[in-house]
């Protein structure tokens, strides 16, 4: 399972972890629904494009560093790795939002993804900055705890 840990924006994850391990899950009333929509729309569109054999074309929804990492070739490699172990992408659902206690401007939107050949969920994580731009995107095994 660890072999499919596909991390683009790893520097973002390292930056988040270097500050502190102190994250907090937001309650339903604290969640910015517009940011959840950004994350869901992006992740669904991204995965659906890759499933169809195409690549996702970024506009202005993500920071440049992320766009540069997600070349057409890298997108296809990521999807083939996931597909070979878990099957085609089916759908995703919002699960929860987390923030770092000392940096509340960055939101971690966790989505649960269903895949054709797996009865286990994968986490599709979208990290958004204060402007609502995507600065991290991860596909990792689901864990009830934020890792």
C-alpha atoms as a PDB file:
ATOM      1  CA  UNK A   1       0.000   0.000   0.000  1.00  0.00           C
ATOM      2  CA  UNK A   2       2.835   2.409   0.774  1.00  0.00           C
ATOM      3  CA  UNK A   3       4.142   1.978  -2.751  1.00  0.00           C
ATOM      4  CA  UNK A   4       1.172   3.907  -4.109  1.00  0.00           C
ATOM      5  CA  UNK A   5       1.755   6.902  -1.899  1.00  0.00           C
ATOM      6  CA  UNK A   6       1.826   9.470  -4.650  1.00  0.00           C
ATOM      7  CA  UNK A   7       2.840  12.827  -3.388  1.00  0.00           C
ATOM      8  CA  UNK A   8       3.009  15.858  -5.567  1.00  0.00           C
ATOM      9  CA  UNK A   9       3.671  18.981  -3.648  1.00  0.00           C
ATOM     10  CA  UNK A  10       5.852  17.058  -1.207  1.00  0.00           C
ATOM     11  CA  UNK A  11       7.577  20.279  -0.261  1.00  0.00           C
ATOM     12  CA  UNK A  12       4.217  21.575   0.913  1.00  0.00           C
ATOM     13  CA  UNK A  13       3.725  18.529   3.120  1.00  0.00           C
ATOM     14  CA  UNK A  14       7.229  18.888   4.532  1.00  0.00           C
ATOM     15  CA  UNK A  15       6.617  22.554   5.212  1.00  0.00           C
ATOM     16  CA  UNK A  16       3.378  21.761   6.981  1.00  0.00           C
ATOM     17  CA  UNK A  17       5.012  19.094   9.132  1.00  0.00           C
ATOM     18  CA  UNK A  18       8.059  21.200   9.929  1.00  0.00           C
ATOM     19  CA  UNK A  19       6.017  23.845  11.715  1.00  0.00           C
ATOM     20  CA  UNK A  20       4.306  21.498  14.094  1.00  0.00           C
ATOM     21  CA  UNK A  21       2.365  18.297  14.310  1.00  0.00           C
ATOM     22  CA  UNK A  22      -0.471  20.278  15.848  1.00  0.00           C
ATOM     23  CA  UNK A  23      -3.381  20.082  13.433  1.00  0.00           C
ATOM     24  CA  UNK A  24      -7.023  20.523  14.225  1.00  0.00           C
ATOM     25  CA  UNK A  25     -10.075  19.201  12.483  1.00  0.00           C
ATOM     26  CA  UNK A  26     -12.680  21.854  11.769  1.00  0.00           C
ATOM     27  CA  UNK A  27     -16.244  21.359  12.883  1.00  0.00           C
ATOM     28  CA  UNK A  28     -18.965  21.452  10.237  1.00  0.00           C
ATOM     29  CA  UNK A  29     -19.907  25.028  11.099  1.00  0.00           C
ATOM     30  CA  UNK A  30     -16.274  26.189  10.713  1.00  0.00           C
ATOM     31  CA  UNK A  31     -15.701  24.675   7.264  1.00  0.00           C
ATOM     32  CA  UNK A  32     -15.537  27.090   4.335  1.00  0.00           C
ATOM     33  CA  UNK A  33     -17.905  25.370   1.891  1.00  0.00           C
ATOM     34  CA  UNK A  34     -16.514  27.357  -1.042  1.00  0.00           C
ATOM     35  CA  UNK A  35     -13.061  25.868  -0.423  1.00  0.00           C
ATOM     36  CA  UNK A  36     -14.532  22.376  -0.171  1.00  0.00           C
ATOM     37  CA  UNK A  37     -16.192  22.976  -3.550  1.00  0.00           C
ATOM     38  CA  UNK A  38     -12.885  24.106  -5.071  1.00  0.00           C
ATOM     39  CA  UNK A  39     -11.189  20.948  -3.794  1.00  0.00           C
ATOM     40  CA  UNK A  40     -13.991  18.599  -4.853  1.00  0.00           C
ATOM     41  CA  UNK A  41     -14.360  20.126  -8.301  1.00  0.00           C
ATOM     42  CA  UNK A  42     -10.623  20.048  -8.944  1.00  0.00           C
ATOM     43  CA  UNK A  43     -10.083  16.491  -7.695  1.00  0.00           C
ATOM     44  CA  UNK A  44     -13.123  15.144  -9.559  1.00  0.00           C
ATOM     45  CA  UNK A  45     -12.174  16.888 -12.814  1.00  0.00           C
ATOM     46  CA  UNK A  46      -8.527  15.871 -12.476  1.00  0.00           C
ATOM     47  CA  UNK A  47      -9.271  12.200 -11.827  1.00  0.00           C
ATOM     48  CA  UNK A  48     -12.005  12.029 -14.478  1.00  0.00           C
ATOM     49  CA  UNK A  49      -9.676  13.493 -17.128  1.00  0.00           C
ATOM     50  CA  UNK A  50      -6.967  10.987 -16.277  1.00  0.00           C
ATOM     51  CA  UNK A  51      -9.447   8.115 -16.272  1.00  0.00           C
ATOM     52  CA  UNK A  52     -10.497   9.067 -19.816  1.00  0.00           C
ATOM     53  CA  UNK A  53      -6.871   8.884 -20.969  1.00  0.00           C
ATOM     54  CA  UNK A  54      -6.454  12.647 -21.259  1.00  0.00           C
ATOM     55  CA  UNK A  55      -4.510  14.971 -19.006  1.00  0.00           C
ATOM     56  CA  UNK A  56      -5.779  17.800 -16.855  1.00  0.00           C
ATOM     57  CA  UNK A  57      -5.135  21.291 -18.198  1.00  0.00           C
ATOM     58  CA  UNK A  58      -4.456  23.752 -15.399  1.00  0.00           C
ATOM     59  CA  UNK A  59      -5.742  27.286 -15.600  1.00  0.00           C
ATOM     60  CA  UNK A  60      -5.322  29.562 -12.574  1.00  0.00           C
ATOM     61  CA  UNK A  61      -6.666  27.219  -9.886  1.00  0.00           C
ATOM     62  CA  UNK A  62      -3.220  26.159  -8.610  1.00  0.00           C
ATOM     63  CA  UNK A  63       0.096  27.716  -7.717  1.00  0.00           C
ATOM     64  CA  UNK A  64       2.811  27.561 -10.381  1.00  0.00           C
ATOM     65  CA  UNK A  65       4.979  25.084  -8.473  1.00  0.00           C
ATOM     66  CA  UNK A  66       2.176  22.532  -8.453  1.00  0.00           C
ATOM     67  CA  UNK A  67       1.345  23.101 -12.117  1.00  0.00           C
ATOM     68  CA  UNK A  68       4.998  22.562 -13.013  1.00  0.00           C
ATOM     69  CA  UNK A  69       5.077  19.226 -11.145  1.00  0.00           C
ATOM     70  CA  UNK A  70       1.931  17.929 -12.802  1.00  0.00           C
ATOM     71  CA  UNK A  71       3.189  17.569 -16.342  1.00  0.00           C
ATOM     72  CA  UNK A  72       1.101  15.519 -18.746  1.00  0.00           C
ATOM     73  CA  UNK A  73       3.594  12.666 -18.408  1.00  0.00           C
ATOM     74  CA  UNK A  74       3.554  12.766 -14.582  1.00  0.00           C
ATOM     75  CA  UNK A  75      -0.234  12.801 -14.531  1.00  0.00           C
ATOM     76  CA  UNK A  76      -0.386   9.657 -16.649  1.00  0.00           C
ATOM     77  CA  UNK A  77       2.243   7.894 -14.530  1.00  0.00           C
ATOM     78  CA  UNK A  78       0.334   8.695 -11.334  1.00  0.00           C
ATOM     79  CA  UNK A  79      -2.951   7.463 -12.733  1.00  0.00           C
ATOM     80  CA  UNK A  80      -1.456   4.242 -14.121  1.00  0.00           C
ATOM     81  CA  UNK A  81       0.074   3.444 -10.725  1.00  0.00           C
ATOM     82  CA  UNK A  82      -3.232   3.981  -8.952  1.00  0.00           C
ATOM     83  CA  UNK A  83      -5.206   2.126 -11.622  1.00  0.00           C
ATOM     84  CA  UNK A  84      -2.901  -0.897 -11.599  1.00  0.00           C
ATOM     85  CA  UNK A  85      -3.441  -1.396  -7.856  1.00  0.00           C
ATOM     86  CA  UNK A  86      -6.950  -0.090  -7.278  1.00  0.00           C
ATOM     87  CA  UNK A  87      -8.695   0.101 -10.641  1.00  0.00           C
ATOM     88  CA  UNK A  88     -10.289   3.073 -12.304  1.00  0.00           C
ATOM     89  CA  UNK A  89     -11.426   6.088 -10.337  1.00  0.00           C
ATOM     90  CA  UNK A  90     -15.148   5.971  -9.556  1.00  0.00           C
ATOM     91  CA  UNK A  91     -16.074   8.892  -7.317  1.00  0.00           C
ATOM     92  CA  UNK A  92     -15.054  10.899  -4.314  1.00  0.00           C
ATOM     93  CA  UNK A  93     -16.833  12.373  -1.335  1.00  0.00           C
ATOM     94  CA  UNK A  94     -15.910  15.099   1.078  1.00  0.00           C
ATOM     95  CA  UNK A  95     -14.715  13.770   4.429  1.00  0.00           C
ATOM     96  CA  UNK A  96     -13.242  16.603   6.510  1.00  0.00           C
ATOM     97  CA  UNK A  97     -11.178  19.773   6.674  1.00  0.00           C
ATOM     98  CA  UNK A  98      -8.099  20.317   8.817  1.00  0.00           C
ATOM     99  CA  UNK A  99      -5.934  23.326   9.543  1.00  0.00           C
ATOM    100  CA  UNK A 100      -2.583  23.692  11.208  1.00  0.00           C
ATOM    101  CA  UNK A 101      -3.040  25.353  14.576  1.00  0.00           C
ATOM    102  CA  UNK A 102      -0.338  27.968  13.999  1.00  0.00           C
ATOM    103  CA  UNK A 103      -1.110  28.552  10.284  1.00  0.00           C
ATOM    104  CA  UNK A 104      -4.860  28.715   9.822  1.00  0.00           C
ATOM    105  CA  UNK A 105      -4.579  30.138   6.288  1.00  0.00           C
ATOM    106  CA  UNK A 106      -3.750  26.714   4.817  1.00  0.00           C
ATOM    107  CA  UNK A 107      -6.645  24.278   4.632  1.00  0.00           C
ATOM    108  CA  UNK A 108      -6.315  20.543   4.139  1.00  0.00           C
ATOM    109  CA  UNK A 109      -9.416  19.160   2.439  1.00  0.00           C
ATOM    110  CA  UNK A 110      -9.670  15.383   2.789  1.00  0.00           C
ATOM    111  CA  UNK A 111     -11.796  13.469   0.299  1.00  0.00           C
ATOM    112  CA  UNK A 112     -12.495   9.732   0.256  1.00  0.00           C
ATOM    113  CA  UNK A 113     -12.060   8.174  -3.160  1.00  0.00           C
ATOM    114  CA  UNK A 114     -13.706   5.025  -4.475  1.00  0.00           C
ATOM    115  CA  UNK A 115     -11.847   2.949  -7.049  1.00  0.00           C
ATOM    116  CA  UNK A 116     -13.106   0.093  -9.195  1.00  0.00           C
ATOM    117  CA  UNK A 117     -11.066  -2.836  -7.819  1.00  0.00           C
ATOM    118  CA  UNK A 118     -10.700  -1.805  -4.190  1.00  0.00           C
ATOM    119  CA  UNK A 119     -12.957  -2.095  -1.207  1.00  0.00           C
ATOM    120  CA  UNK A 120     -10.594   0.234   0.668  1.00  0.00           C
ATOM    121  CA  UNK A 121     -10.872   3.995   0.322  1.00  0.00           C
ATOM    122  CA  UNK A 122      -8.016   6.163  -0.806  1.00  0.00           C
ATOM    123  CA  UNK A 123      -7.567   9.659   0.484  1.00  0.00           C
ATOM    124  CA  UNK A 124      -7.518  12.346  -2.136  1.00  0.00           C
ATOM    125  CA  UNK A 125      -6.113  15.344  -0.322  1.00  0.00           C
ATOM    126  CA  UNK A 126      -6.201  18.870  -1.652  1.00  0.00           C
ATOM    127  CA  UNK A 127      -4.254  21.585   0.166  1.00  0.00           C
ATOM    128  CA  UNK A 128      -5.457  25.142  -0.391  1.00  0.00           C
ATOM    129  CA  UNK A 129      -3.781  28.423   0.467  1.00  0.00           C
ATOM    130  CA  UNK A 130      -5.518  31.499   1.838  1.00  0.00           C
ATOM    131  CA  UNK A 131      -6.540  32.549  -1.700  1.00  0.00           C
ATOM    132  CA  UNK A 132      -8.170  29.194  -2.408  1.00  0.00           C
ATOM    133  CA  UNK A 133      -5.399  28.135  -4.807  1.00  0.00           C
ATOM    134  CA  UNK A 134      -4.307  24.515  -4.835  1.00  0.00           C
ATOM    135  CA  UNK A 135      -0.832  24.132  -3.404  1.00  0.00           C
ATOM    136  CA  UNK A 136      -0.812  20.407  -2.736  1.00  0.00           C
ATOM    137  CA  UNK A 137      -2.497  17.287  -4.112  1.00  0.00           C
ATOM    138  CA  UNK A 138      -1.999  13.805  -2.737  1.00  0.00           C
ATOM    139  CA  UNK A 139      -3.387  10.330  -3.303  1.00  0.00           C
ATOM    140  CA  UNK A 140      -2.612   8.173  -0.293  1.00  0.00           C
ATOM    141  CA  UNK A 141      -4.157   5.262   1.612  1.00  0.00           C
ATOM    142  CA  UNK A 142      -7.028   6.431   3.816  1.00  0.00           C
ATOM    143  CA  UNK A 143      -6.318   6.786   7.511  1.00  0.00           C
ATOM    144  CA  UNK A 144      -8.754   8.065  10.095  1.00  0.00           C
ATOM    145  CA  UNK A 145      -5.944  10.205  11.470  1.00  0.00           C
ATOM    146  CA  UNK A 146      -4.321  13.023   9.523  1.00  0.00           C
ATOM    147  CA  UNK A 147      -0.868  11.790   8.548  1.00  0.00           C
END
